[in-house]
């Protein structure tokens, strides 16, 4: 006789996603994480530069990034 906990475990296992390779090596996972983190770093730098440019242009009186002009 199956207990309630075993039934719940079976439901959870059956609902797991089945996309991609199940048995990825640790090297592939590390490489994927490195690519993702470098992409996030590049996006952070890009948007940080946009923010810095808008702040500096606002202080200097340029109207490139004014809400009314956008």
PDB file of N, CA and C in Angstrom:
ATOM      1  N   UNK A   1       0.836  -1.177   0.000  1.00  0.00           N
ATOM      2  CA  UNK A   1       0.000   0.000   0.000  1.00  0.00           C
ATOM      3  C   UNK A   1       0.883   1.244   0.000  1.00  0.00           C
ATOM      4  N   UNK A   2       0.581   2.136  -0.885  1.00  0.00           N
ATOM      5  CA  UNK A   2       1.364   3.358  -1.042  1.00  0.00           C
ATOM      6  C   UNK A   2       0.899   4.413  -0.051  1.00  0.00           C
ATOM      7  N   UNK A   3       1.858   5.039   0.584  1.00  0.00           N
ATOM      8  CA  UNK A   3       1.477   6.092   1.517  1.00  0.00           C
ATOM      9  C   UNK A   3       1.240   7.387   0.765  1.00  0.00           C
ATOM     10  N   UNK A   4       0.676   8.346   1.453  1.00  0.00           N
ATOM     11  CA  UNK A   4       0.394   9.651   0.830  1.00  0.00           C
ATOM     12  C   UNK A   4       1.687  10.330   0.397  1.00  0.00           C
ATOM     13  N   UNK A   5       2.753  10.176   1.189  1.00  0.00           N
ATOM     14  CA  UNK A   5       4.022  10.815   0.844  1.00  0.00           C
ATOM     15  C   UNK A   5       4.582  10.223  -0.437  1.00  0.00           C
ATOM     16  N   UNK A   6       4.519   8.902  -0.589  1.00  0.00           N
ATOM     17  CA  UNK A   6       4.993   8.261  -1.808  1.00  0.00           C
ATOM     18  C   UNK A   6       4.185   8.720  -3.021  1.00  0.00           C
ATOM     19  N   UNK A   7       2.890   8.859  -2.860  1.00  0.00           N
ATOM     20  CA  UNK A   7       2.053   9.359  -3.958  1.00  0.00           C
ATOM     21  C   UNK A   7       2.457  10.772  -4.356  1.00  0.00           C
ATOM     22  N   UNK A   8       2.707  11.593  -3.366  1.00  0.00           N
ATOM     23  CA  UNK A   8       3.121  12.973  -3.661  1.00  0.00           C
ATOM     24  C   UNK A   8       4.474  13.003  -4.342  1.00  0.00           C
ATOM     25  N   UNK A   9       5.397  12.150  -3.907  1.00  0.00           N
ATOM     26  CA  UNK A   9       6.714  12.078  -4.559  1.00  0.00           C
ATOM     27  C   UNK A   9       6.566  11.676  -6.015  1.00  0.00           C
ATOM     28  N   UNK A  10       5.725  10.712  -6.282  1.00  0.00           N
ATOM     29  CA  UNK A  10       5.503  10.258  -7.660  1.00  0.00           C
ATOM     30  C   UNK A  10       4.901  11.366  -8.521  1.00  0.00           C
ATOM     31  N   UNK A  11       3.996  12.143  -7.959  1.00  0.00           N
ATOM     32  CA  UNK A  11       3.402  13.260  -8.705  1.00  0.00           C
ATOM     33  C   UNK A  11       4.468  14.299  -9.025  1.00  0.00           C
ATOM     34  N   UNK A  12       5.316  14.627  -8.055  1.00  0.00           N
ATOM     35  CA  UNK A  12       6.364  15.620  -8.274  1.00  0.00           C
ATOM     36  C   UNK A  12       7.342  15.153  -9.338  1.00  0.00           C
ATOM     37  N   UNK A  13       7.735  13.885  -9.285  1.00  0.00           N
ATOM     38  CA  UNK A  13       8.668  13.344 -10.277  1.00  0.00           C
ATOM     39  C   UNK A  13       8.039  13.360 -11.663  1.00  0.00           C
ATOM     40  N   UNK A  14       6.756  13.071 -11.749  1.00  0.00           N
ATOM     41  CA  UNK A  14       6.100  13.034 -13.062  1.00  0.00           C
ATOM     42  C   UNK A  14       5.929  14.430 -13.660  1.00  0.00           C
ATOM     43  N   UNK A  15       5.932  15.476 -12.836  1.00  0.00           N
ATOM     44  CA  UNK A  15       5.719  16.828 -13.340  1.00  0.00           C
ATOM     45  C   UNK A  15       7.018  17.543 -13.726  1.00  0.00           C
ATOM     46  N   UNK A  16       8.162  16.919 -13.507  1.00  0.00           N
ATOM     47  CA  UNK A  16       9.426  17.566 -13.852  1.00  0.00           C
ATOM     48  C   UNK A  16       9.523  17.746 -15.359  1.00  0.00           C
ATOM     49  N   UNK A  17      10.187  18.828 -15.763  1.00  0.00           N
ATOM     50  CA  UNK A  17      10.342  19.122 -17.193  1.00  0.00           C
ATOM     51  C   UNK A  17      11.256  18.086 -17.842  1.00  0.00           C
ATOM     52  N   UNK A  18      10.948  17.741 -19.066  1.00  0.00           N
ATOM     53  CA  UNK A  18      11.721  16.728 -19.782  1.00  0.00           C
ATOM     54  C   UNK A  18      12.474  17.309 -20.968  1.00  0.00           C
ATOM     55  N   UNK A  19      12.766  18.579 -20.955  1.00  0.00           N
ATOM     56  CA  UNK A  19      13.479  19.172 -22.075  1.00  0.00           C
ATOM     57  C   UNK A  19      14.974  19.142 -21.799  1.00  0.00           C
ATOM     58  N   UNK A  20      15.740  19.126 -22.875  1.00  0.00           N
ATOM     59  CA  UNK A  20      17.187  19.138 -22.745  1.00  0.00           C
ATOM     60  C   UNK A  20      17.728  17.779 -22.329  1.00  0.00           C
ATOM     61  N   UNK A  21      19.047  17.728 -22.234  1.00  0.00           N
ATOM     62  CA  UNK A  21      19.704  16.506 -21.804  1.00  0.00           C
ATOM     63  C   UNK A  21      19.634  16.388 -20.300  1.00  0.00           C
ATOM     64  N   UNK A  22      19.282  15.228 -19.811  1.00  0.00           N
ATOM     65  CA  UNK A  22      19.173  15.011 -18.381  1.00  0.00           C
ATOM     66  C   UNK A  22      20.548  14.847 -17.736  1.00  0.00           C
ATOM     67  N   UNK A  23      21.480  14.245 -18.445  1.00  0.00           N
ATOM     68  CA  UNK A  23      22.761  13.893 -17.862  1.00  0.00           C
ATOM     69  C   UNK A  23      23.882  14.806 -18.353  1.00  0.00           C
ATOM     70  N   UNK A  24      23.695  16.083 -18.223  1.00  0.00           N
ATOM     71  CA  UNK A  24      24.755  17.009 -18.596  1.00  0.00           C
ATOM     72  C   UNK A  24      25.898  16.872 -17.625  1.00  0.00           C
ATOM     73  N   UNK A  25      27.091  16.947 -18.163  1.00  0.00           N
ATOM     74  CA  UNK A  25      28.258  16.896 -17.301  1.00  0.00           C
ATOM     75  C   UNK A  25      28.419  18.207 -16.559  1.00  0.00           C
ATOM     76  N   UNK A  26      29.206  18.160 -15.513  1.00  0.00           N
ATOM     77  CA  UNK A  26      29.424  19.359 -14.708  1.00  0.00           C
ATOM     78  C   UNK A  26      30.157  20.429 -15.523  1.00  0.00           C
ATOM     79  N   UNK A  27      31.004  20.008 -16.471  1.00  0.00           N
ATOM     80  CA  UNK A  27      31.718  20.975 -17.305  1.00  0.00           C
ATOM     81  C   UNK A  27      30.756  21.759 -18.189  1.00  0.00           C
ATOM     82  N   UNK A  28      29.759  21.076 -18.727  1.00  0.00           N
ATOM     83  CA  UNK A  28      28.770  21.763 -19.560  1.00  0.00           C
ATOM     84  C   UNK A  28      27.944  22.742 -18.743  1.00  0.00           C
ATOM     85  N   UNK A  29      27.611  22.353 -17.533  1.00  0.00           N
ATOM     86  CA  UNK A  29      26.843  23.248 -16.666  1.00  0.00           C
ATOM     87  C   UNK A  29      27.661  24.474 -16.288  1.00  0.00           C
ATOM     88  N   UNK A  30      28.936  24.259 -15.973  1.00  0.00           N
ATOM     89  CA  UNK A  30      29.807  25.387 -15.632  1.00  0.00           C
ATOM     90  C   UNK A  30      29.964  26.310 -16.821  1.00  0.00           C
ATOM     91  N   UNK A  31      30.138  25.752 -18.018  1.00  0.00           N
ATOM     92  CA  UNK A  31      30.271  26.566 -19.223  1.00  0.00           C
ATOM     93  C   UNK A  31      28.996  27.366 -19.476  1.00  0.00           C
ATOM     94  N   UNK A  32      27.853  26.744 -19.289  1.00  0.00           N
ATOM     95  CA  UNK A  32      26.588  27.448 -19.475  1.00  0.00           C
ATOM     96  C   UNK A  32      26.446  28.582 -18.468  1.00  0.00           C
ATOM     97  N   UNK A  33      26.831  28.345 -17.221  1.00  0.00           N
ATOM     98  CA  UNK A  33      26.766  29.392 -16.206  1.00  0.00           C
ATOM     99  C   UNK A  33      27.728  30.531 -16.508  1.00  0.00           C
ATOM    100  N   UNK A  34      28.901  30.214 -17.033  1.00  0.00           N
ATOM    101  CA  UNK A  34      29.865  31.257 -17.394  1.00  0.00           C
ATOM    102  C   UNK A  34      29.327  32.125 -18.523  1.00  0.00           C
ATOM    103  N   UNK A  35      28.726  31.500 -19.518  1.00  0.00           N
ATOM    104  CA  UNK A  35      28.159  32.253 -20.636  1.00  0.00           C
ATOM    105  C   UNK A  35      27.025  33.144 -20.149  1.00  0.00           C
ATOM    106  N   UNK A  36      26.167  32.604 -19.312  1.00  0.00           N
ATOM    107  CA  UNK A  36      25.044  33.375 -18.790  1.00  0.00           C
ATOM    108  C   UNK A  36      25.518  34.541 -17.929  1.00  0.00           C
ATOM    109  N   UNK A  37      26.490  34.290 -17.077  1.00  0.00           N
ATOM    110  CA  UNK A  37      26.972  35.367 -16.205  1.00  0.00           C
ATOM    111  C   UNK A  37      27.722  36.430 -17.001  1.00  0.00           C
ATOM    112  N   UNK A  38      28.460  36.035 -18.039  1.00  0.00           N
ATOM    113  CA  UNK A  38      29.139  37.048 -18.852  1.00  0.00           C
ATOM    114  C   UNK A  38      28.128  37.879 -19.638  1.00  0.00           C
ATOM    115  N   UNK A  39      27.059  37.250 -20.115  1.00  0.00           N
ATOM    116  CA  UNK A  39      25.999  37.986 -20.803  1.00  0.00           C
ATOM    117  C   UNK A  39      25.335  38.979 -19.855  1.00  0.00           C
ATOM    118  N   UNK A  40      25.061  38.538 -18.623  1.00  0.00           N
ATOM    119  CA  UNK A  40      24.479  39.437 -17.625  1.00  0.00           C
ATOM    120  C   UNK A  40      25.424  40.587 -17.301  1.00  0.00           C
ATOM    121  N   UNK A  41      26.720  40.313 -17.223  1.00  0.00           N
ATOM    122  CA  UNK A  41      27.704  41.349 -16.946  1.00  0.00           C
ATOM    123  C   UNK A  41      27.744  42.385 -18.063  1.00  0.00           C
ATOM    124  N   UNK A  42      27.726  41.927 -19.307  1.00  0.00           N
ATOM    125  CA  UNK A  42      27.749  42.840 -20.453  1.00  0.00           C
ATOM    126  C   UNK A  42      26.493  43.708 -20.471  1.00  0.00           C
ATOM    127  N   UNK A  43      25.325  43.116 -20.205  1.00  0.00           N
ATOM    128  CA  UNK A  43      24.089  43.895 -20.163  1.00  0.00           C
ATOM    129  C   UNK A  43      24.115  44.918 -19.030  1.00  0.00           C
ATOM    130  N   UNK A  44      24.661  44.530 -17.885  1.00  0.00           N
ATOM    131  CA  UNK A  44      24.753  45.452 -16.757  1.00  0.00           C
ATOM    132  C   UNK A  44      25.642  46.637 -17.090  1.00  0.00           C
ATOM    133  N   UNK A  45      26.777  46.378 -17.713  1.00  0.00           N
ATOM    134  CA  UNK A  45      27.684  47.459 -18.115  1.00  0.00           C
ATOM    135  C   UNK A  45      26.992  48.371 -19.133  1.00  0.00           C
ATOM    136  N   UNK A  46      26.308  47.788 -20.108  1.00  0.00           N
ATOM    137  CA  UNK A  46      25.647  48.565 -21.146  1.00  0.00           C
ATOM    138  C   UNK A  46      24.593  49.498 -20.555  1.00  0.00           C
ATOM    139  N   UNK A  47      23.711  48.952 -19.721  1.00  0.00           N
ATOM    140  CA  UNK A  47      22.659  49.786 -19.143  1.00  0.00           C
ATOM    141  C   UNK A  47      23.194  50.749 -18.094  1.00  0.00           C
ATOM    142  N   UNK A  48      24.271  50.370 -17.437  1.00  0.00           N
ATOM    143  CA  UNK A  48      24.921  51.295 -16.515  1.00  0.00           C
ATOM    144  C   UNK A  48      25.494  52.493 -17.243  1.00  0.00           C
ATOM    145  N   UNK A  49      26.092  52.247 -18.409  1.00  0.00           N
ATOM    146  CA  UNK A  49      26.625  53.358 -19.210  1.00  0.00           C
ATOM    147  C   UNK A  49      25.501  54.261 -19.715  1.00  0.00           C
ATOM    148  N   UNK A  50      24.379  53.679 -20.095  1.00  0.00           N
ATOM    149  CA  UNK A  50      23.240  54.498 -20.518  1.00  0.00           C
ATOM    150  C   UNK A  50      22.765  55.370 -19.359  1.00  0.00           C
ATOM    151  N   UNK A  51      22.669  54.782 -18.173  1.00  0.00           N
ATOM    152  CA  UNK A  51      22.245  55.539 -16.998  1.00  0.00           C
ATOM    153  C   UNK A  51      23.243  56.643 -16.668  1.00  0.00           C
ATOM    154  N   UNK A  52      24.522  56.332 -16.702  1.00  0.00           N
ATOM    155  CA  UNK A  52      25.558  57.325 -16.423  1.00  0.00           C
ATOM    156  C   UNK A  52      25.535  58.447 -17.461  1.00  0.00           C
ATOM    157  N   UNK A  53      25.349  58.103 -18.714  1.00  0.00           N
ATOM    158  CA  UNK A  53      25.264  59.104 -19.770  1.00  0.00           C
ATOM    159  C   UNK A  53      24.059  60.018 -19.570  1.00  0.00           C
ATOM    160  N   UNK A  54      22.939  59.441 -19.175  1.00  0.00           N
ATOM    161  CA  UNK A  54      21.751  60.272 -18.969  1.00  0.00           C
ATOM    162  C   UNK A  54      21.925  61.206 -17.775  1.00  0.00           C
ATOM    163  N   UNK A  55      22.573  60.727 -16.722  1.00  0.00           N
ATOM    164  CA  UNK A  55      22.807  61.585 -15.557  1.00  0.00           C
ATOM    165  C   UNK A  55      23.750  62.721 -15.902  1.00  0.00           C
ATOM    166  N   UNK A  56      24.846  62.402 -16.586  1.00  0.00           N
ATOM    167  CA  UNK A  56      25.821  63.437 -16.938  1.00  0.00           C
ATOM    168  C   UNK A  56      25.230  64.436 -17.919  1.00  0.00           C
ATOM    169  N   UNK A  57      24.473  63.946 -18.908  1.00  0.00           N
ATOM    170  CA  UNK A  57      23.875  64.876 -19.872  1.00  0.00           C
ATOM    171  C   UNK A  57      22.827  65.759 -19.198  1.00  0.00           C
ATOM    172  N   UNK A  58      22.136  65.235 -18.205  1.00  0.00           N
ATOM    173  CA  UNK A  58      21.175  66.052 -17.468  1.00  0.00           C
ATOM    174  C   UNK A  58      21.859  67.139 -16.658  1.00  0.00           C
ATOM    175  N   UNK A  59      23.007  66.808 -16.078  1.00  0.00           N
ATOM    176  CA  UNK A  59      23.758  67.799 -15.308  1.00  0.00           C
ATOM    177  C   UNK A  59      24.372  68.876 -16.188  1.00  0.00           C
ATOM    178  N   UNK A  60      24.769  68.505 -17.391  1.00  0.00           N
ATOM    179  CA  UNK A  60      25.398  69.453 -18.303  1.00  0.00           C
ATOM    180  C   UNK A  60      24.391  70.226 -19.159  1.00  0.00           C
ATOM    181  N   UNK A  61      23.139  69.868 -19.081  1.00  0.00           N
ATOM    182  CA  UNK A  61      22.106  70.620 -19.782  1.00  0.00           C
ATOM    183  C   UNK A  61      21.748  70.089 -21.148  1.00  0.00           C
ATOM    184  N   UNK A  62      22.313  68.966 -21.558  1.00  0.00           N
ATOM    185  CA  UNK A  62      21.924  68.372 -22.835  1.00  0.00           C
ATOM    186  C   UNK A  62      20.550  67.735 -22.689  1.00  0.00           C
ATOM    187  N   UNK A  63      19.803  67.701 -23.774  1.00  0.00           N
ATOM    188  CA  UNK A  63      18.428  67.213 -23.688  1.00  0.00           C
ATOM    189  C   UNK A  63      18.222  65.922 -24.475  1.00  0.00           C
ATOM    190  N   UNK A  64      19.237  65.106 -24.569  1.00  0.00           N
ATOM    191  CA  UNK A  64      19.087  63.851 -25.303  1.00  0.00           C
ATOM    192  C   UNK A  64      18.169  62.879 -24.582  1.00  0.00           C
ATOM    193  N   UNK A  65      18.297  62.801 -23.279  1.00  0.00           N
ATOM    194  CA  UNK A  65      17.553  61.792 -22.531  1.00  0.00           C
ATOM    195  C   UNK A  65      16.430  62.412 -21.697  1.00  0.00           C
ATOM    196  N   UNK A  66      15.929  63.527 -22.090  1.00  0.00           N
ATOM    197  CA  UNK A  66      14.792  64.132 -21.400  1.00  0.00           C
ATOM    198  C   UNK A  66      13.527  63.344 -21.745  1.00  0.00           C
ATOM    199  N   UNK A  67      12.631  63.213 -20.780  1.00  0.00           N
ATOM    200  CA  UNK A  67      11.399  62.470 -21.000  1.00  0.00           C
ATOM    201  C   UNK A  67      10.546  63.108 -22.084  1.00  0.00           C
ATOM    202  N   UNK A  68      10.527  64.427 -22.128  1.00  0.00           N
ATOM    203  CA  UNK A  68       9.721  65.113 -23.124  1.00  0.00           C
ATOM    204  C   UNK A  68      10.278  64.892 -24.540  1.00  0.00           C
ATOM    205  N   UNK A  69      11.583  64.735 -24.670  1.00  0.00           N
ATOM    206  CA  UNK A  69      12.188  64.511 -25.986  1.00  0.00           C
ATOM    207  C   UNK A  69      12.056  63.071 -26.444  1.00  0.00           C
ATOM    208  N   UNK A  70      11.993  62.143 -25.494  1.00  0.00           N
ATOM    209  CA  UNK A  70      11.913  60.725 -25.853  1.00  0.00           C
ATOM    210  C   UNK A  70      10.519  60.444 -26.383  1.00  0.00           C
TER     211      UNK A  70
END
